[in-house]
């Protein structure tokens, strides 16, 4: 009887031990989790993303579809605030959606950034509604109205006041180089070339 009880206890312990296949799956899962934690998007990481930007009606405003991923240096102010906040802590392979309010995107529409200027300010240039011009300060203005004596220009960003809806996929996350951190932008593929 004693032999039977001992055998039963040993057999019971063995049935709770994972087999070698289960151990390798556990190790792979652990390594994947560890890599995910180490290579999360945080300050001074370079991330490569694919994205599609839509307005609230579902109209595509911009997309990286069919192009190389967008690479940026996280925490360097290379993206709008809401996008950086939404990407913080994400890792390669993550797919998600972000809804960004105008205050964390391109700002609210500022009526003070719309003004009438004399038609003579454009010289002999042909002007049409929707045309964009650079000012002597480097700002871009859009013509919104054309009158006989004046032209209305708007210096608000075209996406000011627009709620932004991003579908994002993280393609790559890596440590930034010292040069990238010093210069404040990505170098090499997907980035700036000096």
C-alpha atoms as a PDB file:
ATOM      1  CA  UNK A   1       0.000   0.000   0.000  1.00  0.00           C
ATOM      2  CA  UNK A   2       2.840   2.395   0.869  1.00  0.00           C
ATOM      3  CA  UNK A   3       4.434   1.933  -2.569  1.00  0.00           C
ATOM      4  CA  UNK A   4       1.147   2.811  -4.271  1.00  0.00           C
ATOM      5  CA  UNK A   5       0.771   6.061  -2.249  1.00  0.00           C
ATOM      6  CA  UNK A   6       4.384   7.075  -2.964  1.00  0.00           C
ATOM      7  CA  UNK A   7       3.931   6.361  -6.690  1.00  0.00           C
ATOM      8  CA  UNK A   8       0.680   8.335  -6.720  1.00  0.00           C
ATOM      9  CA  UNK A   9       2.364  11.363  -5.076  1.00  0.00           C
ATOM     10  CA  UNK A  10       5.317  11.279  -7.484  1.00  0.00           C
ATOM     11  CA  UNK A  11       2.988  10.918 -10.483  1.00  0.00           C
ATOM     12  CA  UNK A  12       0.845  13.809  -9.230  1.00  0.00           C
ATOM     13  CA  UNK A  13       3.913  16.092  -8.919  1.00  0.00           C
ATOM     14  CA  UNK A  14       5.110  15.150 -12.397  1.00  0.00           C
ATOM     15  CA  UNK A  15       1.765  15.974 -13.980  1.00  0.00           C
ATOM     16  CA  UNK A  16       2.023  19.577 -12.702  1.00  0.00           C
ATOM     17  CA  UNK A  17       5.483  20.157 -14.184  1.00  0.00           C
ATOM     18  CA  UNK A  18       5.427  21.725 -17.647  1.00  0.00           C
ATOM     19  CA  UNK A  19       6.986  19.718 -20.456  1.00  0.00           C
ATOM     20  CA  UNK A  20       9.964  21.128 -22.381  1.00  0.00           C
ATOM     21  CA  UNK A  21       7.703  22.588 -25.111  1.00  0.00           C
ATOM     22  CA  UNK A  22       5.721  24.489 -22.481  1.00  0.00           C
ATOM     23  CA  UNK A  23       8.949  25.767 -20.915  1.00  0.00           C
ATOM     24  CA  UNK A  24      10.187  27.125 -24.266  1.00  0.00           C
ATOM     25  CA  UNK A  25       6.801  28.828 -24.793  1.00  0.00           C
ATOM     26  CA  UNK A  26       7.026  30.345 -21.329  1.00  0.00           C
ATOM     27  CA  UNK A  27      10.580  31.548 -22.046  1.00  0.00           C
ATOM     28  CA  UNK A  28       9.534  33.014 -25.413  1.00  0.00           C
ATOM     29  CA  UNK A  29       6.593  34.763 -23.803  1.00  0.00           C
ATOM     30  CA  UNK A  30       8.837  36.140 -21.066  1.00  0.00           C
ATOM     31  CA  UNK A  31      11.408  37.387 -23.595  1.00  0.00           C
ATOM     32  CA  UNK A  32       8.693  39.005 -25.705  1.00  0.00           C
ATOM     33  CA  UNK A  33       7.323  40.768 -22.616  1.00  0.00           C
ATOM     34  CA  UNK A  34      10.813  41.839 -21.574  1.00  0.00           C
ATOM     35  CA  UNK A  35      11.620  43.237 -25.032  1.00  0.00           C
ATOM     36  CA  UNK A  36       8.216  44.952 -25.084  1.00  0.00           C
ATOM     37  CA  UNK A  37       9.026  46.652 -21.770  1.00  0.00           C
ATOM     38  CA  UNK A  38      12.573  47.607 -22.751  1.00  0.00           C
ATOM     39  CA  UNK A  39      11.654  48.960 -26.177  1.00  0.00           C
ATOM     40  CA  UNK A  40       8.637  51.002 -25.264  1.00  0.00           C
ATOM     41  CA  UNK A  41       8.358  54.463 -26.719  1.00  0.00           C
ATOM     42  CA  UNK A  42       9.794  56.827 -24.130  1.00  0.00           C
ATOM     43  CA  UNK A  43      11.926  59.975 -24.194  1.00  0.00           C
ATOM     44  CA  UNK A  44      14.964  59.686 -26.470  1.00  0.00           C
ATOM     45  CA  UNK A  45      13.694  56.607 -28.320  1.00  0.00           C
ATOM     46  CA  UNK A  46      13.314  56.634 -32.089  1.00  0.00           C
ATOM     47  CA  UNK A  47      10.001  55.241 -33.268  1.00  0.00           C
ATOM     48  CA  UNK A  48       8.843  54.312 -36.750  1.00  0.00           C
ATOM     49  CA  UNK A  49       5.089  54.455 -37.260  1.00  0.00           C
ATOM     50  CA  UNK A  50       2.522  53.967 -39.976  1.00  0.00           C
ATOM     51  CA  UNK A  51      -0.567  56.096 -39.572  1.00  0.00           C
ATOM     52  CA  UNK A  52      -3.798  57.194 -41.178  1.00  0.00           C
ATOM     53  CA  UNK A  53      -5.318  60.506 -40.113  1.00  0.00           C
ATOM     54  CA  UNK A  54      -9.061  61.082 -40.522  1.00  0.00           C
ATOM     55  CA  UNK A  55     -11.446  63.847 -39.581  1.00  0.00           C
ATOM     56  CA  UNK A  56     -14.657  63.093 -37.639  1.00  0.00           C
ATOM     57  CA  UNK A  57     -16.512  62.376 -40.898  1.00  0.00           C
ATOM     58  CA  UNK A  58     -13.983  59.645 -41.751  1.00  0.00           C
ATOM     59  CA  UNK A  59     -12.314  61.565 -44.581  1.00  0.00           C
ATOM     60  CA  UNK A  60      -8.634  60.674 -44.900  1.00  0.00           C
ATOM     61  CA  UNK A  61      -6.539  63.798 -44.347  1.00  0.00           C
ATOM     62  CA  UNK A  62      -3.116  62.128 -44.474  1.00  0.00           C
ATOM     63  CA  UNK A  63      -1.646  58.633 -44.450  1.00  0.00           C
ATOM     64  CA  UNK A  64       1.707  56.900 -44.620  1.00  0.00           C
ATOM     65  CA  UNK A  65       0.061  54.018 -46.506  1.00  0.00           C
ATOM     66  CA  UNK A  66       2.201  53.161 -49.516  1.00  0.00           C
ATOM     67  CA  UNK A  67       5.136  55.161 -48.153  1.00  0.00           C
ATOM     68  CA  UNK A  68       7.971  54.545 -45.728  1.00  0.00           C
ATOM     69  CA  UNK A  69       7.056  54.745 -42.041  1.00  0.00           C
ATOM     70  CA  UNK A  70       7.360  58.095 -40.294  1.00  0.00           C
ATOM     71  CA  UNK A  71      10.384  58.073 -37.958  1.00  0.00           C
ATOM     72  CA  UNK A  72      10.681  60.584 -35.133  1.00  0.00           C
ATOM     73  CA  UNK A  73      12.615  61.225 -31.917  1.00  0.00           C
ATOM     74  CA  UNK A  74      10.211  60.901 -28.995  1.00  0.00           C
ATOM     75  CA  UNK A  75      10.176  63.772 -26.528  1.00  0.00           C
ATOM     76  CA  UNK A  76      11.889  66.243 -28.880  1.00  0.00           C
ATOM     77  CA  UNK A  77       8.694  68.026 -29.913  1.00  0.00           C
ATOM     78  CA  UNK A  78       8.752  66.614 -33.449  1.00  0.00           C
ATOM     79  CA  UNK A  79       5.059  65.651 -33.309  1.00  0.00           C
ATOM     80  CA  UNK A  80       1.928  67.352 -32.031  1.00  0.00           C
ATOM     81  CA  UNK A  81       1.510  67.028 -28.259  1.00  0.00           C
ATOM     82  CA  UNK A  82      -1.500  64.696 -28.399  1.00  0.00           C
ATOM     83  CA  UNK A  83       0.309  62.285 -30.717  1.00  0.00           C
ATOM     84  CA  UNK A  84       3.410  62.091 -28.506  1.00  0.00           C
ATOM     85  CA  UNK A  85       1.237  61.547 -25.428  1.00  0.00           C
ATOM     86  CA  UNK A  86      -0.700  58.793 -27.215  1.00  0.00           C
ATOM     87  CA  UNK A  87       2.468  57.025 -28.373  1.00  0.00           C
ATOM     88  CA  UNK A  88       4.160  57.100 -24.943  1.00  0.00           C
ATOM     89  CA  UNK A  89       4.650  53.558 -23.609  1.00  0.00           C
ATOM     90  CA  UNK A  90       3.661  51.786 -26.846  1.00  0.00           C
ATOM     91  CA  UNK A  91       5.904  49.122 -28.390  1.00  0.00           C
ATOM     92  CA  UNK A  92       6.702  47.569 -31.756  1.00  0.00           C
ATOM     93  CA  UNK A  93       3.697  45.722 -33.140  1.00  0.00           C
ATOM     94  CA  UNK A  94       1.109  47.750 -31.216  1.00  0.00           C
ATOM     95  CA  UNK A  95      -1.891  48.898 -33.275  1.00  0.00           C
ATOM     96  CA  UNK A  96      -4.327  51.403 -31.818  1.00  0.00           C
ATOM     97  CA  UNK A  97      -6.434  54.491 -32.439  1.00  0.00           C
ATOM     98  CA  UNK A  98      -5.984  57.977 -31.041  1.00  0.00           C
ATOM     99  CA  UNK A  99      -8.543  60.783 -30.893  1.00  0.00           C
ATOM    100  CA  UNK A 100      -6.794  64.110 -30.399  1.00  0.00           C
ATOM    101  CA  UNK A 101      -8.607  67.295 -29.415  1.00  0.00           C
ATOM    102  CA  UNK A 102      -7.635  70.513 -31.227  1.00  0.00           C
ATOM    103  CA  UNK A 103      -5.973  71.823 -28.059  1.00  0.00           C
ATOM    104  CA  UNK A 104      -3.447  68.953 -28.275  1.00  0.00           C
ATOM    105  CA  UNK A 105      -3.286  69.019 -32.070  1.00  0.00           C
ATOM    106  CA  UNK A 106      -2.995  72.156 -34.157  1.00  0.00           C
ATOM    107  CA  UNK A 107      -4.865  74.406 -31.738  1.00  0.00           C
ATOM    108  CA  UNK A 108      -8.223  76.091 -31.845  1.00  0.00           C
ATOM    109  CA  UNK A 109      -9.071  78.558 -34.596  1.00  0.00           C
ATOM    110  CA  UNK A 110      -7.776  81.981 -33.558  1.00  0.00           C
ATOM    111  CA  UNK A 111      -9.819  84.797 -35.148  1.00  0.00           C
ATOM    112  CA  UNK A 112      -6.877  87.178 -34.587  1.00  0.00           C
ATOM    113  CA  UNK A 113      -4.906  85.162 -37.147  1.00  0.00           C
ATOM    114  CA  UNK A 114      -7.347  86.161 -39.899  1.00  0.00           C
ATOM    115  CA  UNK A 115      -6.960  89.634 -41.323  1.00  0.00           C
ATOM    116  CA  UNK A 116      -7.632  91.791 -44.357  1.00  0.00           C
ATOM    117  CA  UNK A 117      -4.607  93.101 -46.196  1.00  0.00           C
ATOM    118  CA  UNK A 118      -4.511  95.598 -49.044  1.00  0.00           C
ATOM    119  CA  UNK A 119      -4.688  93.982 -52.456  1.00  0.00           C
ATOM    120  CA  UNK A 120      -1.525  95.938 -53.324  1.00  0.00           C
ATOM    121  CA  UNK A 121       0.432  93.750 -50.841  1.00  0.00           C
ATOM    122  CA  UNK A 122       0.340  90.991 -53.500  1.00  0.00           C
ATOM    123  CA  UNK A 123       1.683  93.227 -56.293  1.00  0.00           C
ATOM    124  CA  UNK A 124       0.858  91.928 -59.737  1.00  0.00           C
ATOM    125  CA  UNK A 125       0.541  88.299 -58.584  1.00  0.00           C
ATOM    126  CA  UNK A 126      -2.604  86.464 -59.559  1.00  0.00           C
ATOM    127  CA  UNK A 127      -4.506  85.513 -56.402  1.00  0.00           C
ATOM    128  CA  UNK A 128      -7.249  82.942 -55.965  1.00  0.00           C
ATOM    129  CA  UNK A 129      -9.204  81.712 -52.975  1.00  0.00           C
ATOM    130  CA  UNK A 130      -7.348  78.800 -51.342  1.00  0.00           C
ATOM    131  CA  UNK A 131      -3.887  79.867 -52.497  1.00  0.00           C
ATOM    132  CA  UNK A 132      -1.137  79.775 -49.896  1.00  0.00           C
ATOM    133  CA  UNK A 133       1.647  82.300 -49.483  1.00  0.00           C
ATOM    134  CA  UNK A 134       4.646  82.585 -47.180  1.00  0.00           C
ATOM    135  CA  UNK A 135       4.972  85.792 -45.214  1.00  0.00           C
ATOM    136  CA  UNK A 136       8.258  87.590 -44.666  1.00  0.00           C
ATOM    137  CA  UNK A 137       8.242  85.998 -41.173  1.00  0.00           C
ATOM    138  CA  UNK A 138       8.036  82.486 -42.653  1.00  0.00           C
ATOM    139  CA  UNK A 139       4.385  81.897 -41.730  1.00  0.00           C
ATOM    140  CA  UNK A 140       2.044  80.384 -44.282  1.00  0.00           C
ATOM    141  CA  UNK A 141      -1.241  82.166 -44.938  1.00  0.00           C
ATOM    142  CA  UNK A 142      -4.216  80.990 -46.950  1.00  0.00           C
ATOM    143  CA  UNK A 143      -6.380  83.339 -48.978  1.00  0.00           C
ATOM    144  CA  UNK A 144      -9.973  82.959 -47.787  1.00  0.00           C
ATOM    145  CA  UNK A 145     -11.688  85.925 -49.488  1.00  0.00           C
ATOM    146  CA  UNK A 146     -10.879  88.267 -52.356  1.00  0.00           C
ATOM    147  CA  UNK A 147     -12.393  91.744 -52.418  1.00  0.00           C
ATOM    148  CA  UNK A 148     -11.898  94.689 -54.753  1.00  0.00           C
ATOM    149  CA  UNK A 149      -9.524  96.527 -52.403  1.00  0.00           C
ATOM    150  CA  UNK A 150      -8.526  93.872 -49.853  1.00  0.00           C
ATOM    151  CA  UNK A 151      -7.739  90.214 -49.542  1.00  0.00           C
ATOM    152  CA  UNK A 152      -8.540  88.165 -46.427  1.00  0.00           C
ATOM    153  CA  UNK A 153      -5.767  85.839 -45.309  1.00  0.00           C
ATOM    154  CA  UNK A 154      -5.848  83.213 -42.576  1.00  0.00           C
ATOM    155  CA  UNK A 155      -2.647  82.203 -40.767  1.00  0.00           C
ATOM    156  CA  UNK A 156      -4.319  79.452 -38.718  1.00  0.00           C
ATOM    157  CA  UNK A 157      -3.014  75.959 -39.428  1.00  0.00           C
ATOM    158  CA  UNK A 158      -5.356  74.210 -41.900  1.00  0.00           C
ATOM    159  CA  UNK A 159      -6.155  71.639 -39.173  1.00  0.00           C
ATOM    160  CA  UNK A 160      -6.776  74.212 -36.421  1.00  0.00           C
ATOM    161  CA  UNK A 161     -10.068  73.462 -34.698  1.00  0.00           C
ATOM    162  CA  UNK A 162     -10.196  69.930 -36.150  1.00  0.00           C
ATOM    163  CA  UNK A 163     -10.457  66.824 -33.951  1.00  0.00           C
ATOM    164  CA  UNK A 164      -7.852  64.373 -35.263  1.00  0.00           C
ATOM    165  CA  UNK A 165      -8.446  60.623 -35.497  1.00  0.00           C
ATOM    166  CA  UNK A 166      -5.312  58.545 -36.003  1.00  0.00           C
ATOM    167  CA  UNK A 167      -5.029  54.818 -36.687  1.00  0.00           C
ATOM    168  CA  UNK A 168      -1.430  53.954 -35.753  1.00  0.00           C
ATOM    169  CA  UNK A 169       0.852  50.934 -36.028  1.00  0.00           C
ATOM    170  CA  UNK A 170       4.259  50.913 -34.336  1.00  0.00           C
ATOM    171  CA  UNK A 171       6.766  49.487 -36.817  1.00  0.00           C
ATOM    172  CA  UNK A 172      10.003  49.942 -34.888  1.00  0.00           C
ATOM    173  CA  UNK A 173      11.362  51.302 -31.610  1.00  0.00           C
ATOM    174  CA  UNK A 174      15.067  51.771 -30.952  1.00  0.00           C
ATOM    175  CA  UNK A 175      17.411  53.805 -28.798  1.00  0.00           C
ATOM    176  CA  UNK A 176      18.359  57.160 -30.297  1.00  0.00           C
ATOM    177  CA  UNK A 177      22.018  57.809 -31.006  1.00  0.00           C
ATOM    178  CA  UNK A 178      23.848  60.543 -29.111  1.00  0.00           C
ATOM    179  CA  UNK A 179      23.911  62.638 -32.307  1.00  0.00           C
ATOM    180  CA  UNK A 180      20.148  62.272 -32.765  1.00  0.00           C
ATOM    181  CA  UNK A 181      19.528  63.380 -29.182  1.00  0.00           C
ATOM    182  CA  UNK A 182      21.927  66.328 -29.563  1.00  0.00           C
ATOM    183  CA  UNK A 183      20.382  67.425 -32.872  1.00  0.00           C
ATOM    184  CA  UNK A 184      16.792  66.758 -31.755  1.00  0.00           C
ATOM    185  CA  UNK A 185      15.774  64.645 -34.746  1.00  0.00           C
ATOM    186  CA  UNK A 186      16.232  61.233 -36.369  1.00  0.00           C
ATOM    187  CA  UNK A 187      19.198  60.577 -38.684  1.00  0.00           C
ATOM    188  CA  UNK A 188      19.472  57.931 -41.375  1.00  0.00           C
ATOM    189  CA  UNK A 189      16.581  56.070 -43.021  1.00  0.00           C
ATOM    190  CA  UNK A 190      13.315  57.849 -42.334  1.00  0.00           C
ATOM    191  CA  UNK A 191      15.150  60.788 -40.813  1.00  0.00           C
ATOM    192  CA  UNK A 192      17.366  63.785 -41.527  1.00  0.00           C
ATOM    193  CA  UNK A 193      20.612  63.434 -43.456  1.00  0.00           C
ATOM    194  CA  UNK A 194      23.526  65.774 -42.668  1.00  0.00           C
END
